């Protein structure tokens, strides 16, 4: 069995119709689902995060990382 998990459910994920912790019979099926989900999340969510797929054995994790504005500023208001 192969699993697809989102490591951290952001607000956009919770509002979507996507499901976390999915189980698949084949590795190919799980990988395709994980890639499809990450692509959809990157294209349709609010752009505060970047989503990537990481494979660890029989597990595919959709990693959630903060997007940084161009120029390296974190957006905290203290850079300029």
PDB file of N, CA and C in Angstrom:
ATOM      1  N   UNK A   1       0.832  -1.180   0.000  1.00  0.00           N
ATOM      2  CA  UNK A   1       0.000   0.000   0.000  1.00  0.00           C
ATOM      3  C   UNK A   1       0.876   1.243   0.000  1.00  0.00           C
ATOM      4  N   UNK A   2       0.427   2.258  -0.743  1.00  0.00           N
ATOM      5  CA  UNK A   2       1.155   3.512  -0.866  1.00  0.00           C
ATOM      6  C   UNK A   2       0.254   4.644  -0.394  1.00  0.00           C
ATOM      7  N   UNK A   3       0.842   5.613   0.298  1.00  0.00           N
ATOM      8  CA  UNK A   3       0.040   6.697   0.861  1.00  0.00           C
ATOM      9  C   UNK A   3       0.445   8.040   0.281  1.00  0.00           C
ATOM     10  N   UNK A   4      -0.526   8.950   0.252  1.00  0.00           N
ATOM     11  CA  UNK A   4      -0.310  10.346  -0.118  1.00  0.00           C
ATOM     12  C   UNK A   4      -0.812  11.186   1.053  1.00  0.00           C
ATOM     13  N   UNK A   5       0.081  12.008   1.606  1.00  0.00           N
ATOM     14  CA  UNK A   5      -0.264  12.854   2.745  1.00  0.00           C
ATOM     15  C   UNK A   5       0.181  14.286   2.500  1.00  0.00           C
ATOM     16  N   UNK A   6      -0.599  15.233   2.986  1.00  0.00           N
ATOM     17  CA  UNK A   6      -0.206  16.640   2.998  1.00  0.00           C
ATOM     18  C   UNK A   6       0.355  16.886   4.385  1.00  0.00           C
ATOM     19  N   UNK A   7       1.629  17.344   4.461  1.00  0.00           N
ATOM     20  CA  UNK A   7       2.298  17.453   5.755  1.00  0.00           C
ATOM     21  C   UNK A   7       1.641  18.466   6.680  1.00  0.00           C
ATOM     22  N   UNK A   8       1.115  19.549   6.120  1.00  0.00           N
ATOM     23  CA  UNK A   8       0.491  20.593   6.947  1.00  0.00           C
ATOM     24  C   UNK A   8      -0.687  21.155   6.171  1.00  0.00           C
ATOM     25  N   UNK A   9      -1.867  21.033   6.704  1.00  0.00           N
ATOM     26  CA  UNK A   9      -3.070  21.503   6.026  1.00  0.00           C
ATOM     27  C   UNK A   9      -3.232  23.006   6.240  1.00  0.00           C
ATOM     28  N   UNK A  10      -2.924  23.775   5.200  1.00  0.00           N
ATOM     29  CA  UNK A  10      -3.119  25.217   5.267  1.00  0.00           C
ATOM     30  C   UNK A  10      -4.618  25.521   5.140  1.00  0.00           C
ATOM     31  N   UNK A  11      -4.973  26.773   5.324  1.00  0.00           N
ATOM     32  CA  UNK A  11      -6.382  27.166   5.236  1.00  0.00           C
ATOM     33  C   UNK A  11      -7.001  26.864   3.887  1.00  0.00           C
ATOM     34  N   UNK A  12      -6.237  27.098   2.816  1.00  0.00           N
ATOM     35  CA  UNK A  12      -6.761  26.817   1.476  1.00  0.00           C
ATOM     36  C   UNK A  12      -7.048  25.330   1.309  1.00  0.00           C
ATOM     37  N   UNK A  13      -6.185  24.480   1.861  1.00  0.00           N
ATOM     38  CA  UNK A  13      -6.409  23.041   1.754  1.00  0.00           C
ATOM     39  C   UNK A  13      -7.673  22.649   2.513  1.00  0.00           C
ATOM     40  N   UNK A  14      -7.831  23.171   3.713  1.00  0.00           N
ATOM     41  CA  UNK A  14      -9.012  22.830   4.519  1.00  0.00           C
ATOM     42  C   UNK A  14     -10.308  23.279   3.848  1.00  0.00           C
ATOM     43  N   UNK A  15     -10.250  24.386   3.092  1.00  0.00           N
ATOM     44  CA  UNK A  15     -11.434  24.890   2.392  1.00  0.00           C
ATOM     45  C   UNK A  15     -11.719  24.133   1.094  1.00  0.00           C
ATOM     46  N   UNK A  16     -10.709  23.432   0.588  1.00  0.00           N
ATOM     47  CA  UNK A  16     -10.869  22.722  -0.687  1.00  0.00           C
ATOM     48  C   UNK A  16     -11.609  21.404  -0.478  1.00  0.00           C
ATOM     49  N   UNK A  17     -11.888  20.732  -1.597  1.00  0.00           N
ATOM     50  CA  UNK A  17     -12.536  19.428  -1.529  1.00  0.00           C
ATOM     51  C   UNK A  17     -11.511  18.286  -1.520  1.00  0.00           C
ATOM     52  N   UNK A  18     -10.226  18.618  -1.380  1.00  0.00           N
ATOM     53  CA  UNK A  18      -9.175  17.591  -1.374  1.00  0.00           C
ATOM     54  C   UNK A  18      -9.159  16.829  -0.048  1.00  0.00           C
ATOM     55  N   UNK A  19      -8.706  15.590  -0.146  1.00  0.00           N
ATOM     56  CA  UNK A  19      -8.630  14.736   1.042  1.00  0.00           C
ATOM     57  C   UNK A  19      -7.178  14.432   1.369  1.00  0.00           C
ATOM     58  N   UNK A  20      -6.862  14.431   2.651  1.00  0.00           N
ATOM     59  CA  UNK A  20      -5.532  14.087   3.130  1.00  0.00           C
ATOM     60  C   UNK A  20      -5.501  12.593   3.466  1.00  0.00           C
ATOM     61  N   UNK A  21      -4.310  12.026   3.564  1.00  0.00           N
ATOM     62  CA  UNK A  21      -4.109  10.624   3.957  1.00  0.00           C
ATOM     63  C   UNK A  21      -4.859   9.658   3.043  1.00  0.00           C
ATOM     64  N   UNK A  22      -4.500   9.662   1.775  1.00  0.00           N
ATOM     65  CA  UNK A  22      -5.099   8.748   0.811  1.00  0.00           C
ATOM     66  C   UNK A  22      -4.216   7.519   0.650  1.00  0.00           C
ATOM     67  N   UNK A  23      -4.852   6.366   0.411  1.00  0.00           N
ATOM     68  CA  UNK A  23      -4.138   5.094   0.259  1.00  0.00           C
ATOM     69  C   UNK A  23      -4.399   4.536  -1.132  1.00  0.00           C
ATOM     70  N   UNK A  24      -3.326   4.034  -1.765  1.00  0.00           N
ATOM     71  CA  UNK A  24      -3.408   3.492  -3.122  1.00  0.00           C
ATOM     72  C   UNK A  24      -2.737   2.125  -3.188  1.00  0.00           C
ATOM     73  N   UNK A  25      -3.199   1.310  -4.116  1.00  0.00           N
ATOM     74  CA  UNK A  25      -2.650  -0.031  -4.326  1.00  0.00           C
ATOM     75  C   UNK A  25      -1.294   0.011  -5.033  1.00  0.00           C
ATOM     76  N   UNK A  26      -1.140   0.950  -5.986  1.00  0.00           N
ATOM     77  CA  UNK A  26       0.097   0.975  -6.771  1.00  0.00           C
ATOM     78  C   UNK A  26       0.881   2.257  -6.520  1.00  0.00           C
ATOM     79  N   UNK A  27       2.194   2.138  -6.687  1.00  0.00           N
ATOM     80  CA  UNK A  27       3.081   3.286  -6.526  1.00  0.00           C
ATOM     81  C   UNK A  27       2.789   4.342  -7.580  1.00  0.00           C
ATOM     82  N   UNK A  28       2.589   3.921  -8.821  1.00  0.00           N
ATOM     83  CA  UNK A  28       2.316   4.859  -9.907  1.00  0.00           C
ATOM     84  C   UNK A  28       1.060   5.672  -9.651  1.00  0.00           C
ATOM     85  N   UNK A  29       0.026   4.996  -9.178  1.00  0.00           N
ATOM     86  CA  UNK A  29      -1.241   5.670  -8.891  1.00  0.00           C
ATOM     87  C   UNK A  29      -1.061   6.714  -7.782  1.00  0.00           C
ATOM     88  N   UNK A  30      -0.324   6.359  -6.737  1.00  0.00           N
ATOM     89  CA  UNK A  30      -0.078   7.289  -5.629  1.00  0.00           C
ATOM     90  C   UNK A  30       0.755   8.480  -6.092  1.00  0.00           C
ATOM     91  N   UNK A  31       1.802   8.214  -6.872  1.00  0.00           N
ATOM     92  CA  UNK A  31       2.656   9.296  -7.370  1.00  0.00           C
ATOM     93  C   UNK A  31       1.874  10.238  -8.268  1.00  0.00           C
ATOM     94  N   UNK A  32       1.076   9.696  -9.155  1.00  0.00           N
ATOM     95  CA  UNK A  32       0.276  10.534 -10.051  1.00  0.00           C
ATOM     96  C   UNK A  32      -0.695  11.409  -9.258  1.00  0.00           C
ATOM     97  N   UNK A  33      -1.324  10.851  -8.242  1.00  0.00           N
ATOM     98  CA  UNK A  33      -2.265  11.620  -7.416  1.00  0.00           C
ATOM     99  C   UNK A  33      -1.540  12.720  -6.645  1.00  0.00           C
ATOM    100  N   UNK A  34      -0.387  12.397  -6.070  1.00  0.00           N
ATOM    101  CA  UNK A  34       0.375  13.390  -5.314  1.00  0.00           C
ATOM    102  C   UNK A  34       0.801  14.547  -6.219  1.00  0.00           C
ATOM    103  N   UNK A  35       1.297  14.233  -7.406  1.00  0.00           N
ATOM    104  CA  UNK A  35       1.724  15.275  -8.343  1.00  0.00           C
ATOM    105  C   UNK A  35       0.547  16.122  -8.811  1.00  0.00           C
ATOM    106  N   UNK A  36      -0.574  15.477  -9.063  1.00  0.00           N
ATOM    107  CA  UNK A  36      -1.787  16.184  -9.491  1.00  0.00           C
ATOM    108  C   UNK A  36      -2.263  17.147  -8.395  1.00  0.00           C
ATOM    109  N   UNK A  37      -2.248  16.666  -7.153  1.00  0.00           N
ATOM    110  CA  UNK A  37      -2.670  17.509  -6.036  1.00  0.00           C
ATOM    111  C   UNK A  37      -1.732  18.701  -5.861  1.00  0.00           C
ATOM    112  N   UNK A  38      -0.420  18.462  -5.871  1.00  0.00           N
ATOM    113  CA  UNK A  38       0.553  19.543  -5.679  1.00  0.00           C
ATOM    114  C   UNK A  38       0.418  20.584  -6.782  1.00  0.00           C
ATOM    115  N   UNK A  39       0.232  20.140  -8.017  1.00  0.00           N
ATOM    116  CA  UNK A  39       0.074  21.071  -9.129  1.00  0.00           C
ATOM    117  C   UNK A  39      -1.183  21.923  -8.945  1.00  0.00           C
ATOM    118  N   UNK A  40      -2.280  21.281  -8.604  1.00  0.00           N
ATOM    119  CA  UNK A  40      -3.531  22.007  -8.402  1.00  0.00           C
ATOM    120  C   UNK A  40      -3.403  23.010  -7.252  1.00  0.00           C
ATOM    121  N   UNK A  41      -2.745  22.598  -6.175  1.00  0.00           N
ATOM    122  CA  UNK A  41      -2.561  23.478  -5.027  1.00  0.00           C
ATOM    123  C   UNK A  41      -1.700  24.684  -5.407  1.00  0.00           C
ATOM    124  N   UNK A  42      -0.628  24.457  -6.180  1.00  0.00           N
ATOM    125  CA  UNK A  42       0.240  25.560  -6.611  1.00  0.00           C
ATOM    126  C   UNK A  42      -0.470  26.515  -7.556  1.00  0.00           C
ATOM    127  N   UNK A  43      -1.362  25.994  -8.385  1.00  0.00           N
ATOM    128  CA  UNK A  43      -2.050  26.830  -9.366  1.00  0.00           C
ATOM    129  C   UNK A  43      -3.283  27.541  -8.809  1.00  0.00           C
ATOM    130  N   UNK A  44      -4.005  26.909  -7.882  1.00  0.00           N
ATOM    131  CA  UNK A  44      -5.311  27.429  -7.476  1.00  0.00           C
ATOM    132  C   UNK A  44      -5.367  28.016  -6.067  1.00  0.00           C
ATOM    133  N   UNK A  45      -4.410  27.698  -5.220  1.00  0.00           N
ATOM    134  CA  UNK A  45      -4.440  28.221  -3.857  1.00  0.00           C
ATOM    135  C   UNK A  45      -3.914  29.659  -3.843  1.00  0.00           C
ATOM    136  N   UNK A  46      -3.863  30.296  -2.685  1.00  0.00           N
ATOM    137  CA  UNK A  46      -3.615  31.735  -2.544  1.00  0.00           C
ATOM    138  C   UNK A  46      -2.178  32.177  -2.815  1.00  0.00           C
ATOM    139  N   UNK A  47      -1.279  31.286  -3.101  1.00  0.00           N
ATOM    140  CA  UNK A  47       0.114  31.599  -3.430  1.00  0.00           C
ATOM    141  C   UNK A  47       0.966  31.976  -2.216  1.00  0.00           C
ATOM    142  N   UNK A  48       0.477  31.791  -0.999  1.00  0.00           N
ATOM    143  CA  UNK A  48       1.302  32.021   0.190  1.00  0.00           C
ATOM    144  C   UNK A  48       2.282  30.873   0.397  1.00  0.00           C
ATOM    145  N   UNK A  49       1.977  29.706  -0.194  1.00  0.00           N
ATOM    146  CA  UNK A  49       2.801  28.516  -0.017  1.00  0.00           C
ATOM    147  C   UNK A  49       3.194  27.918  -1.365  1.00  0.00           C
ATOM    148  N   UNK A  50       4.248  27.118  -1.333  1.00  0.00           N
ATOM    149  CA  UNK A  50       4.668  26.334  -2.484  1.00  0.00           C
ATOM    150  C   UNK A  50       4.564  24.871  -2.068  1.00  0.00           C
ATOM    151  N   UNK A  51       4.040  24.033  -2.931  1.00  0.00           N
ATOM    152  CA  UNK A  51       3.797  22.629  -2.612  1.00  0.00           C
ATOM    153  C   UNK A  51       4.654  21.739  -3.505  1.00  0.00           C
ATOM    154  N   UNK A  52       5.392  20.818  -2.896  1.00  0.00           N
ATOM    155  CA  UNK A  52       6.236  19.884  -3.632  1.00  0.00           C
ATOM    156  C   UNK A  52       6.009  18.475  -3.108  1.00  0.00           C
ATOM    157  N   UNK A  53       6.247  17.484  -3.968  1.00  0.00           N
ATOM    158  CA  UNK A  53       6.065  16.081  -3.597  1.00  0.00           C
ATOM    159  C   UNK A  53       7.417  15.488  -3.217  1.00  0.00           C
ATOM    160  N   UNK A  54       7.454  14.815  -2.070  1.00  0.00           N
ATOM    161  CA  UNK A  54       8.655  14.137  -1.600  1.00  0.00           C
ATOM    162  C   UNK A  54       8.303  12.668  -1.396  1.00  0.00           C
ATOM    163  N   UNK A  55       9.109  11.781  -1.981  1.00  0.00           N
ATOM    164  CA  UNK A  55       8.883  10.335  -1.857  1.00  0.00           C
ATOM    165  C   UNK A  55       9.793   9.761  -0.778  1.00  0.00           C
ATOM    166  N   UNK A  56       9.215   8.994   0.138  1.00  0.00           N
ATOM    167  CA  UNK A  56       9.969   8.290   1.170  1.00  0.00           C
ATOM    168  C   UNK A  56       9.408   6.877   1.240  1.00  0.00           C
ATOM    169  N   UNK A  57      10.077   5.945   0.572  1.00  0.00           N
ATOM    170  CA  UNK A  57       9.599   4.567   0.560  1.00  0.00           C
ATOM    171  C   UNK A  57       8.231   4.465  -0.075  1.00  0.00           C
ATOM    172  N   UNK A  58       7.263   4.018   0.705  1.00  0.00           N
ATOM    173  CA  UNK A  58       5.897   3.848   0.212  1.00  0.00           C
ATOM    174  C   UNK A  58       5.015   5.061   0.489  1.00  0.00           C
ATOM    175  N   UNK A  59       5.631   6.157   0.901  1.00  0.00           N
ATOM    176  CA  UNK A  59       4.880   7.357   1.265  1.00  0.00           C
ATOM    177  C   UNK A  59       5.250   8.520   0.357  1.00  0.00           C
ATOM    178  N   UNK A  60       4.228   9.233  -0.106  1.00  0.00           N
ATOM    179  CA  UNK A  60       4.405  10.461  -0.868  1.00  0.00           C
ATOM    180  C   UNK A  60       3.842  11.590  -0.021  1.00  0.00           C
ATOM    181  N   UNK A  61       4.701  12.528   0.344  1.00  0.00           N
ATOM    182  CA  UNK A  61       4.298  13.645   1.185  1.00  0.00           C
ATOM    183  C   UNK A  61       4.301  14.914   0.355  1.00  0.00           C
ATOM    184  N   UNK A  62       3.219  15.663   0.445  1.00  0.00           N
ATOM    185  CA  UNK A  62       3.168  16.968  -0.195  1.00  0.00           C
ATOM    186  C   UNK A  62       3.655  17.965   0.846  1.00  0.00           C
ATOM    187  N   UNK A  63       4.864  18.445   0.607  1.00  0.00           N
ATOM    188  CA  UNK A  63       5.513  19.371   1.534  1.00  0.00           C
ATOM    189  C   UNK A  63       4.994  20.778   1.293  1.00  0.00           C
ATOM    190  N   UNK A  64       4.817  21.523   2.371  1.00  0.00           N
ATOM    191  CA  UNK A  64       4.286  22.883   2.331  1.00  0.00           C
ATOM    192  C   UNK A  64       5.398  23.830   2.783  1.00  0.00           C
ATOM    193  N   UNK A  65       5.762  24.781   1.910  1.00  0.00           N
ATOM    194  CA  UNK A  65       6.788  25.760   2.246  1.00  0.00           C
ATOM    195  C   UNK A  65       6.258  27.165   1.999  1.00  0.00           C
ATOM    196  N   UNK A  66       6.680  28.110   2.824  1.00  0.00           N
ATOM    197  CA  UNK A  66       6.293  29.508   2.650  1.00  0.00           C
ATOM    198  C   UNK A  66       6.899  30.060   1.374  1.00  0.00           C
ATOM    199  N   UNK A  67       6.131  30.782   0.592  1.00  0.00           N
ATOM    200  CA  UNK A  67       6.659  31.505  -0.563  1.00  0.00           C
ATOM    201  C   UNK A  67       7.305  32.774  -0.058  1.00  0.00           C
ATOM    202  N   UNK A  68       8.480  33.089  -0.573  1.00  0.00           N
ATOM    203  CA  UNK A  68       9.177  34.328  -0.210  1.00  0.00           C
ATOM    204  C   UNK A  68       9.013  35.326  -1.348  1.00  0.00           C
ATOM    205  N   UNK A  69       8.697  36.568  -1.023  1.00  0.00           N
ATOM    206  CA  UNK A  69       8.596  37.586  -2.070  1.00  0.00           C
ATOM    207  C   UNK A  69       9.938  37.777  -2.781  1.00  0.00           C
ATOM    208  N   UNK A  70       9.900  38.246  -4.016  1.00  0.00           N
ATOM    209  CA  UNK A  70      11.123  38.498  -4.778  1.00  0.00           C
ATOM    210  C   UNK A  70      11.986  39.509  -4.047  1.00  0.00           C
ATOM    211  N   UNK A  71      13.289  39.336  -4.131  1.00  0.00           N
ATOM    212  CA  UNK A  71      14.209  40.267  -3.483  1.00  0.00           C
ATOM    213  C   UNK A  71      14.637  39.820  -2.106  1.00  0.00           C
ATOM    214  N   UNK A  72      14.100  38.725  -1.612  1.00  0.00           N
ATOM    215  CA  UNK A  72      14.520  38.180  -0.327  1.00  0.00           C
ATOM    216  C   UNK A  72      13.829  38.758   0.887  1.00  0.00           C
ATOM    217  N   UNK A  73      12.977  39.751   0.693  1.00  0.00           N
ATOM    218  CA  UNK A  73      12.273  40.333   1.831  1.00  0.00           C
ATOM    219  C   UNK A  73      11.185  39.374   2.294  1.00  0.00           C
ATOM    220  N   UNK A  74      11.039  39.246   3.595  1.00  0.00           N
ATOM    221  CA  UNK A  74      10.048  38.328   4.151  1.00  0.00           C
ATOM    222  C   UNK A  74       8.652  38.941   4.214  1.00  0.00           C
ATOM    223  N   UNK A  75       8.543  40.245   3.955  1.00  0.00           N
ATOM    224  CA  UNK A  75       7.233  40.896   4.008  1.00  0.00           C
ATOM    225  C   UNK A  75       6.823  41.334   5.400  1.00  0.00           C
ATOM    226  N   UNK A  76       7.737  41.261   6.337  1.00  0.00           N
ATOM    227  CA  UNK A  76       7.435  41.628   7.722  1.00  0.00           C
ATOM    228  C   UNK A  76       7.410  43.128   7.990  1.00  0.00           C
ATOM    229  N   UNK A  77       7.783  43.941   7.005  1.00  0.00           N
ATOM    230  CA  UNK A  77       7.722  45.384   7.160  1.00  0.00           C
ATOM    231  C   UNK A  77       8.987  45.996   7.725  1.00  0.00           C
ATOM    232  N   UNK A  78       9.976  45.207   8.051  1.00  0.00           N
ATOM    233  CA  UNK A  78      11.189  45.748   8.667  1.00  0.00           C
ATOM    234  C   UNK A  78      12.374  45.832   7.696  1.00  0.00           C
ATOM    235  N   UNK A  79      12.171  45.478   6.429  1.00  0.00           N
ATOM    236  CA  UNK A  79      13.263  45.485   5.448  1.00  0.00           C
ATOM    237  C   UNK A  79      13.400  46.815   4.714  1.00  0.00           C
ATOM    238  N   UNK A  80      12.431  47.661   4.778  1.00  0.00           N
ATOM    239  CA  UNK A  80      12.519  48.872   3.967  1.00  0.00           C
ATOM    240  C   UNK A  80      11.822  49.968   4.601  1.00  0.00           C
TER     241      UNK A  80
END
